[in-house]
Amino acid sequence: MTAPRTAPAERAIGVILPSSNRVVERATMSLLLTSPGVDACFARVPYFGNGQGQPENGYDERSFLTAAELLAQAQVQAICWNATRGAAIGFALDIALCERVERHVGIPMVTTALAVLDEFNRRRIRRIALVTHGTPAQGQVFKDRFAEQGVSSTAELHLGYTDNFSAARAPAQPIIDFARDVANRDVADALLIWSTNLPGYRFSSDLELESSLLVIDSATLGIQATLRII
């Protein structure tokens, strides 16, 4: 039996997550089981309720710089803002946030919202089945942003949670049933689970094998993008 590793790994990633998120840390540690040479360190910024804690159309820069400073003290090699918010307020704001953090602490940064654009391009995805934890009206904002990038939402499931914390308790079965229906109808290139507080990391791999439909879980996607940096 192999003894558990007690010393820190040589490399580490830093993850910034919303204060009301209960999924990102679990998704990260699950993914890192296949990357034993990498540790993860976490920091939170205010984001709770129905979008409270951050400006309506931007970011509280100071909260992110403080989080990045704390992660830098743990000597992480890359930082991820593991949240989907940038696809609602505009990808340009995520680009600017990454640039500001990188100048401040000297560590490269990525966001989940920017990572999904890279994923669309790398895999030539142009049609998505979109899953969000919010209302159809909130989902429409994401649809419009993705459409601006040449990616259309050809099927949708909006779970109707208006409190970010509540999404962490969403059952998996409605998402799984929706994915199976999308796969049977062959109407999308990929299923996108677009909330890092939904439990997609628990079933996305098995769902891909079963349905042959590419499943992109946002919480996992952000970590994968960060690992590619290091």
Protein backbone atom coordinates (compact mmCIF):
# COMPACT_ATOMS: atom_id res chain seq x y z
CA MET A 1 0.00 0.00 0.00
CA THR A 2 1.40 3.39 -1.01
CA ALA A 3 1.73 5.87 1.83
CA PRO A 4 -0.02 9.21 1.27
CA ARG A 5 2.20 12.05 0.10
CA THR A 6 2.86 14.49 2.94
CA ALA A 7 5.30 16.93 1.33
CA PRO A 8 4.02 19.67 -1.01
CA ALA A 9 4.32 18.95 -4.72
CA GLU A 10 6.93 20.80 -6.74
CA ARG A 11 4.26 22.64 -8.71
CA ALA A 12 0.97 24.24 -7.70
CA ILE A 13 -1.92 26.07 -9.28
CA GLY A 14 -3.94 28.82 -7.65
CA VAL A 15 -7.72 28.89 -7.98
CA ILE A 16 -9.91 31.90 -7.28
CA LEU A 17 -13.57 30.99 -6.86
CA PRO A 18 -16.83 32.73 -5.94
CA SER A 19 -17.50 32.92 -2.20
CA SER A 20 -20.76 30.94 -2.55
CA ASN A 21 -19.26 28.12 -4.62
CA ARG A 22 -19.24 24.60 -3.17
CA VAL A 23 -18.11 22.67 -6.25
CA VAL A 24 -14.85 24.09 -7.64
CA GLU A 25 -12.60 22.76 -4.88
CA ARG A 26 -14.06 19.27 -5.20
CA ALA A 27 -13.82 19.31 -8.99
CA THR A 28 -10.21 20.47 -8.77
CA MET A 29 -9.10 17.82 -6.32
CA SER A 30 -10.88 15.13 -8.35
CA LEU A 31 -9.06 16.20 -11.50
CA LEU A 32 -5.68 16.42 -9.74
CA LEU A 33 -5.88 12.72 -8.85
CA THR A 34 -4.45 12.21 -12.34
CA SER A 35 -1.78 14.91 -11.82
CA PRO A 36 0.00 13.79 -8.63
CA GLY A 37 2.87 16.24 -9.11
CA VAL A 38 0.59 19.29 -8.78
CA ASP A 39 -1.00 20.88 -5.71
CA ALA A 40 -3.93 23.30 -5.69
CA CYS A 41 -4.34 26.37 -3.48
CA PHE A 42 -7.64 28.24 -3.22
CA ALA A 43 -8.82 31.78 -2.54
CA ARG A 44 -12.31 33.28 -2.61
CA VAL A 45 -13.72 36.61 -3.72
CA PRO A 46 -17.17 37.96 -2.83
CA TYR A 47 -19.88 36.60 -5.13
CA PHE A 48 -23.14 35.28 -3.72
CA GLY A 49 -26.91 35.42 -3.98
CA ASN A 50 -28.02 36.55 -7.42
CA GLY A 51 -24.82 38.29 -8.47
CA GLN A 52 -24.09 40.17 -5.25
CA GLY A 53 -20.57 40.94 -4.10
CA GLN A 54 -19.25 42.20 -7.44
CA PRO A 55 -20.21 45.24 -9.55
CA GLU A 56 -23.11 44.54 -11.88
CA ASN A 57 -21.07 45.00 -15.05
CA GLY A 58 -17.52 44.38 -13.95
CA TYR A 59 -15.17 43.15 -11.24
CA ASP A 60 -14.08 44.49 -7.88
CA GLU A 61 -10.43 44.57 -8.85
CA ARG A 62 -9.12 44.94 -5.31
CA SER A 63 -10.69 41.65 -4.19
CA PHE A 64 -8.99 39.79 -7.03
CA LEU A 65 -5.62 41.41 -6.44
CA THR A 66 -5.79 40.47 -2.77
CA ALA A 67 -6.71 36.88 -3.64
CA ALA A 68 -3.84 36.72 -6.14
CA GLU A 69 -1.40 38.13 -3.58
CA LEU A 70 -2.33 35.41 -1.11
CA LEU A 71 -1.97 32.69 -3.74
CA ALA A 72 1.40 34.12 -4.78
CA GLN A 73 2.61 33.64 -1.21
CA ALA A 74 2.02 29.90 -1.72
CA GLN A 75 4.23 30.12 -4.85
CA VAL A 76 1.66 28.93 -7.36
CA GLN A 77 2.74 28.88 -11.00
CA ALA A 78 -0.61 29.86 -12.57
CA ILE A 79 -3.94 31.26 -11.41
CA CYS A 80 -7.50 30.58 -12.59
CA TRP A 81 -10.66 32.60 -11.96
CA ASN A 82 -12.89 29.54 -12.02
CA ALA A 83 -16.24 31.13 -12.75
CA THR A 84 -18.39 31.65 -15.84
CA ARG A 85 -19.27 35.28 -15.18
CA GLY A 86 -17.06 36.68 -17.95
CA ALA A 87 -19.40 35.23 -20.56
CA ALA A 88 -22.19 37.40 -19.17
CA ILE A 89 -20.42 40.72 -18.57
CA GLY A 90 -18.11 40.40 -21.58
CA PHE A 91 -14.96 38.46 -22.40
CA ALA A 92 -12.95 41.67 -22.72
CA LEU A 93 -13.36 42.25 -18.99
CA ASP A 94 -11.85 38.83 -18.25
CA ILE A 95 -8.92 39.62 -20.52
CA ALA A 96 -8.36 42.90 -18.70
CA LEU A 97 -8.64 41.19 -15.30
CA CYS A 98 -6.00 38.61 -16.26
CA GLU A 99 -3.65 41.32 -17.49
CA ARG A 100 -4.08 43.34 -14.29
CA VAL A 101 -3.44 40.35 -12.01
CA GLU A 102 -0.43 39.24 -14.05
CA ARG A 103 1.13 42.69 -13.81
CA HIS A 104 0.47 42.80 -10.07
CA VAL A 105 1.84 39.41 -9.01
CA GLY A 106 3.84 38.23 -12.03
CA ILE A 107 1.88 35.00 -12.40
CA PRO A 108 -0.04 33.99 -15.55
CA MET A 109 -3.80 33.89 -15.17
CA VAL A 110 -6.70 32.37 -17.09
CA THR A 111 -10.46 32.39 -16.57
CA THR A 112 -13.04 29.73 -17.27
CA ALA A 113 -14.84 32.09 -19.66
CA LEU A 114 -11.70 32.59 -21.73
CA ALA A 115 -10.91 28.88 -21.57
CA VAL A 116 -14.22 27.98 -23.17
CA LEU A 117 -13.48 30.20 -26.18
CA ASP A 118 -10.19 28.36 -26.60
CA GLU A 119 -12.04 25.05 -26.31
CA PHE A 120 -14.53 26.08 -28.98
CA ASN A 121 -11.70 26.97 -31.33
CA ARG A 122 -9.49 23.95 -30.59
CA ARG A 123 -12.34 21.50 -31.08
CA ARG A 124 -14.12 23.47 -33.84
CA ILE A 125 -17.33 23.60 -31.85
CA ARG A 126 -20.06 25.71 -33.44
CA ARG A 127 -23.25 24.27 -31.91
CA ILE A 128 -23.74 23.77 -28.19
CA ALA A 129 -26.43 22.37 -25.95
CA LEU A 130 -26.34 24.90 -23.14
CA VAL A 131 -27.00 24.08 -19.46
CA THR A 132 -27.15 26.93 -16.93
CA HIS A 133 -28.23 27.03 -13.30
CA GLY A 134 -30.23 30.24 -13.75
CA THR A 135 -33.34 31.44 -15.51
CA PRO A 136 -34.00 31.48 -19.28
CA ALA A 137 -33.50 35.26 -19.24
CA GLN A 138 -30.07 34.86 -17.66
CA GLY A 139 -29.29 32.07 -20.11
CA GLN A 140 -30.15 34.38 -23.01
CA VAL A 141 -27.26 36.63 -22.04
CA PHE A 142 -24.83 33.71 -22.36
CA LYS A 143 -26.43 32.67 -25.65
CA ASP A 144 -25.93 36.14 -27.08
CA ARG A 145 -22.28 36.29 -25.98
CA PHE A 146 -21.52 32.90 -27.48
CA ALA A 147 -23.34 33.82 -30.69
CA GLU A 148 -21.04 36.84 -31.01
CA GLN A 149 -18.19 34.31 -31.06
CA GLY A 150 -19.83 32.25 -33.81
CA VAL A 151 -21.22 29.54 -31.51
CA SER A 152 -24.99 28.95 -31.51
CA SER A 153 -27.06 27.36 -28.73
CA THR A 154 -29.22 24.76 -30.44
CA ALA A 155 -30.71 23.26 -27.26
CA GLU A 156 -31.04 24.64 -23.74
CA LEU A 157 -31.68 23.63 -20.16
CA HIS A 158 -31.99 26.41 -17.57
CA LEU A 159 -32.49 25.04 -14.06
CA GLY A 160 -34.01 28.20 -12.62
CA TYR A 161 -31.83 28.77 -9.54
CA THR A 162 -31.49 32.46 -8.73
CA ASP A 163 -29.17 31.96 -5.75
CA ASN A 164 -25.64 30.92 -6.68
CA PHE A 165 -25.23 28.74 -3.60
CA SER A 166 -28.39 26.76 -4.39
CA ALA A 167 -26.92 25.60 -7.69
CA ALA A 168 -24.38 23.48 -5.79
CA ARG A 169 -27.27 21.31 -4.61
CA ALA A 170 -28.77 20.80 -8.06
CA PRO A 171 -29.48 17.13 -8.85
CA ALA A 172 -27.52 15.59 -11.67
CA GLN A 173 -30.37 13.63 -13.29
CA PRO A 174 -32.08 16.49 -15.21
CA ILE A 175 -28.74 17.37 -16.82
CA ILE A 176 -28.03 13.73 -17.67
CA ASP A 177 -31.50 13.27 -19.19
CA PHE A 178 -31.08 16.45 -21.22
CA ALA A 179 -27.68 15.27 -22.52
CA ARG A 180 -29.11 11.94 -23.60
CA ASP A 181 -31.91 13.67 -25.50
CA VAL A 182 -29.43 16.00 -27.22
CA ALA A 183 -27.23 13.06 -28.20
CA ASN A 184 -30.19 11.11 -29.59
CA ARG A 185 -31.31 14.08 -31.70
CA ASP A 186 -27.73 14.94 -32.82
CA VAL A 187 -28.37 18.69 -32.59
CA ALA A 188 -25.13 19.87 -31.00
CA ASP A 189 -21.37 19.44 -31.22
CA ALA A 190 -21.03 19.53 -27.43
CA LEU A 191 -22.95 19.82 -24.19
CA LEU A 192 -21.76 22.82 -22.16
CA ILE A 193 -22.48 22.78 -18.41
CA TRP A 194 -22.08 26.50 -17.88
CA SER A 195 -21.89 27.04 -14.15
CA THR A 196 -18.94 26.12 -11.95
CA ASN A 197 -21.40 25.47 -9.12
CA LEU A 198 -23.16 22.62 -10.96
CA PRO A 199 -21.94 19.04 -10.31
CA GLY A 200 -20.84 18.24 -13.87
CA TYR A 201 -17.43 16.95 -12.82
CA ARG A 202 -19.12 13.98 -11.13
CA PHE A 203 -20.66 12.50 -14.28
CA SER A 204 -19.30 14.23 -17.42
CA SER A 205 -16.74 11.53 -18.31
CA ASP A 206 -19.22 8.67 -17.92
CA LEU A 207 -21.82 10.63 -19.89
CA GLU A 208 -19.39 11.13 -22.75
CA LEU A 209 -18.66 7.41 -22.93
CA GLU A 210 -22.34 6.53 -22.85
CA SER A 211 -23.62 9.07 -25.35
CA SER A 212 -20.57 9.82 -27.56
CA LEU A 213 -21.44 13.49 -26.99
CA LEU A 214 -18.63 15.82 -25.99
CA VAL A 215 -19.43 17.13 -22.49
CA ILE A 216 -17.68 20.31 -21.31
CA ASP A 217 -17.92 20.88 -17.57
CA SER A 218 -16.98 24.47 -16.80
CA ALA A 219 -15.36 23.86 -13.41
CA THR A 220 -13.16 21.13 -14.88
CA LEU A 221 -12.42 23.19 -17.98
CA GLY A 222 -10.93 26.05 -15.97
CA ILE A 223 -8.57 23.71 -14.12
CA GLN A 224 -7.51 21.96 -17.33
CA ALA A 225 -6.64 25.33 -18.85
CA THR A 226 -4.58 26.25 -15.79
CA LEU A 227 -2.71 22.95 -15.88
CA ARG A 228 -1.81 23.56 -19.53
CA ILE A 229 -0.11 26.81 -18.50
CA ILE A 230 2.26 25.03 -16.12
